[in-house]
Amino acid sequence: MTAELTYLTLATLWQVVHFGFYALSANLQVGPRYTMGARDEPRQLSGKAGRLQRAMNNHFEALVLFSIAVFVITYADKATTWTGLWALLFLISRVAYLPAYYWGLSPWRTLIWFVGFGATVAILILALI
């Protein structure tokens, strides 16, 4: 398995961790009776539970683009040490993003997001070269 695919797998497992933190905080805020029910009446999460929900959704979005980049670089057979390092940088930034978002670390959250996004774009550009 390439380094890029390994980091994609780890980033996907990190999504599972995101979901766990979000689910726990949502259950604490609105109660398990609501979260296990039909949820016909939507409830807005607030505070840190809302932040965990938004961070989880953001990671889903980032994971889609990163997955495309990893698949392109892998199937084009253009994986290199550089693309592996960019993939590692993506993973590190996504791991750092969750606590930065949770604790409201501004502007660090945005800068961390940009590092991960930039790493994804770099992999895509390297696939075209």
Protein backbone atom coordinates (compact mmCIF):
# COMPACT_ATOMS: atom_id res chain seq x y z
CA MET A 1 0.00 0.00 0.00
CA THR A 2 1.30 3.46 -0.84
CA ALA A 3 1.93 6.03 1.87
CA GLU A 4 -0.93 8.10 0.43
CA LEU A 5 -3.39 5.22 0.78
CA THR A 6 -2.16 4.57 4.33
CA TYR A 7 -2.76 8.20 5.29
CA LEU A 8 -6.17 8.12 3.60
CA THR A 9 -7.06 5.07 5.69
CA LEU A 10 -5.88 6.79 8.87
CA ALA A 11 -7.77 9.98 7.97
CA THR A 12 -10.91 7.90 7.45
CA LEU A 13 -10.45 6.23 10.84
CA TRP A 14 -10.02 9.74 12.27
CA GLN A 15 -13.50 10.45 10.87
CA VAL A 16 -14.78 7.62 13.07
CA VAL A 17 -13.19 9.32 16.07
CA HIS A 18 -14.86 12.60 15.05
CA PHE A 19 -18.20 10.84 14.90
CA GLY A 20 -17.68 9.33 18.35
CA PHE A 21 -16.92 12.70 19.96
CA TYR A 22 -19.85 14.30 18.14
CA ALA A 23 -22.31 11.51 19.06
CA LEU A 24 -21.32 11.60 22.71
CA SER A 25 -21.65 15.37 22.96
CA ALA A 26 -24.95 15.39 21.05
CA ASN A 27 -26.38 12.72 23.36
CA LEU A 28 -25.31 14.71 26.39
CA GLN A 29 -26.92 17.87 25.02
CA VAL A 30 -30.24 16.64 23.61
CA GLY A 31 -30.51 13.26 25.31
CA PRO A 32 -30.43 9.72 23.97
CA ARG A 33 -34.22 9.57 23.74
CA TYR A 34 -34.10 12.23 21.02
CA THR A 35 -31.00 10.94 19.24
CA MET A 36 -32.36 7.38 19.09
CA GLY A 37 -35.80 8.58 17.99
CA ALA A 38 -37.14 9.62 14.60
CA ARG A 39 -35.95 13.24 15.05
CA ASP A 40 -39.07 14.60 13.37
CA GLU A 41 -38.52 17.91 15.13
CA PRO A 42 -34.96 19.11 14.41
CA ARG A 43 -32.88 20.42 17.28
CA GLN A 44 -29.90 22.70 16.81
CA LEU A 45 -26.77 21.76 18.71
CA SER A 46 -24.99 24.64 20.41
CA GLY A 47 -21.69 25.30 22.08
CA LYS A 48 -19.03 22.63 21.90
CA ALA A 49 -21.48 19.98 20.67
CA GLY A 50 -22.27 22.22 17.71
CA ARG A 51 -18.56 22.76 17.11
CA LEU A 52 -17.95 19.01 17.09
CA GLN A 53 -20.78 18.57 14.60
CA ARG A 54 -19.39 21.26 12.29
CA ALA A 55 -15.84 19.88 12.60
CA MET A 56 -17.10 16.41 11.71
CA ASN A 57 -18.96 17.74 8.67
CA ASN A 58 -15.89 19.72 7.63
CA HIS A 59 -13.75 16.60 7.85
CA PHE A 60 -16.21 14.72 5.62
CA GLU A 61 -15.83 17.49 3.03
CA ALA A 62 -12.03 17.51 3.30
CA LEU A 63 -11.93 13.73 3.09
CA VAL A 64 -13.80 13.74 -0.22
CA LEU A 65 -11.24 15.99 -1.90
CA PHE A 66 -8.31 14.21 -0.28
CA SER A 67 -9.69 10.83 -1.40
CA ILE A 68 -9.87 12.07 -4.98
CA ALA A 69 -6.28 13.33 -4.77
CA VAL A 70 -5.04 10.02 -3.35
CA PHE A 71 -6.91 7.95 -5.93
CA VAL A 72 -5.64 10.10 -8.80
CA ILE A 73 -2.02 10.00 -7.65
CA THR A 74 -2.24 6.25 -6.99
CA TYR A 75 -3.97 5.23 -10.22
CA ALA A 76 -1.75 7.52 -12.28
CA ASP A 77 1.18 5.68 -10.66
CA LYS A 78 2.75 9.03 -9.73
CA ALA A 79 3.13 8.52 -5.98
CA THR A 80 6.47 9.87 -4.77
CA THR A 81 8.12 10.76 -1.50
CA TRP A 82 6.74 14.28 -1.97
CA THR A 83 3.15 13.17 -2.46
CA GLY A 84 3.52 10.94 0.60
CA LEU A 85 4.75 13.90 2.63
CA TRP A 86 1.85 16.05 1.42
CA ALA A 87 -0.55 13.27 2.43
CA LEU A 88 1.06 13.08 5.87
CA LEU A 89 0.75 16.85 6.22
CA PHE A 90 -2.95 16.55 5.37
CA LEU A 91 -3.42 13.91 8.08
CA ILE A 92 -1.53 15.94 10.69
CA SER A 93 -3.53 19.05 9.89
CA ARG A 94 -6.83 17.18 10.15
CA VAL A 95 -5.86 15.71 13.52
CA ALA A 96 -4.95 19.22 14.73
CA TYR A 97 -8.15 20.71 13.27
CA LEU A 98 -10.55 18.94 15.65
CA PRO A 99 -9.14 20.34 18.91
CA ALA A 100 -8.56 23.73 17.30
CA TYR A 101 -12.22 23.89 16.29
CA TYR A 102 -13.45 22.46 19.60
CA TRP A 103 -11.54 25.02 21.65
CA GLY A 104 -12.33 27.89 19.25
CA LEU A 105 -8.69 28.67 18.50
CA SER A 106 -8.97 31.53 16.05
CA PRO A 107 -7.24 32.13 13.63
CA TRP A 108 -5.36 28.82 14.13
CA ARG A 109 -8.36 26.71 13.12
CA THR A 110 -8.50 28.44 9.75
CA LEU A 111 -4.74 28.23 9.23
CA ILE A 112 -4.77 24.52 10.08
CA TRP A 113 -7.64 24.00 7.63
CA PHE A 114 -5.70 25.82 4.93
CA VAL A 115 -2.63 23.59 5.44
CA GLY A 116 -4.74 20.47 4.86
CA PHE A 117 -6.49 21.98 1.87
CA GLY A 118 -3.16 23.12 0.42
CA ALA A 119 -1.69 19.64 0.85
CA THR A 120 -4.61 18.18 -1.09
CA VAL A 121 -4.21 20.72 -3.88
CA ALA A 122 -0.45 20.02 -4.00
CA ILE A 123 -1.09 16.29 -4.53
CA LEU A 124 -3.52 17.07 -7.34
CA ILE A 125 -1.06 19.41 -9.04
CA LEU A 126 1.73 16.85 -8.75
CA ALA A 127 -0.54 14.30 -10.41
CA LEU A 128 -0.78 16.58 -13.45
CA ILE A 129 2.95 17.15 -13.80
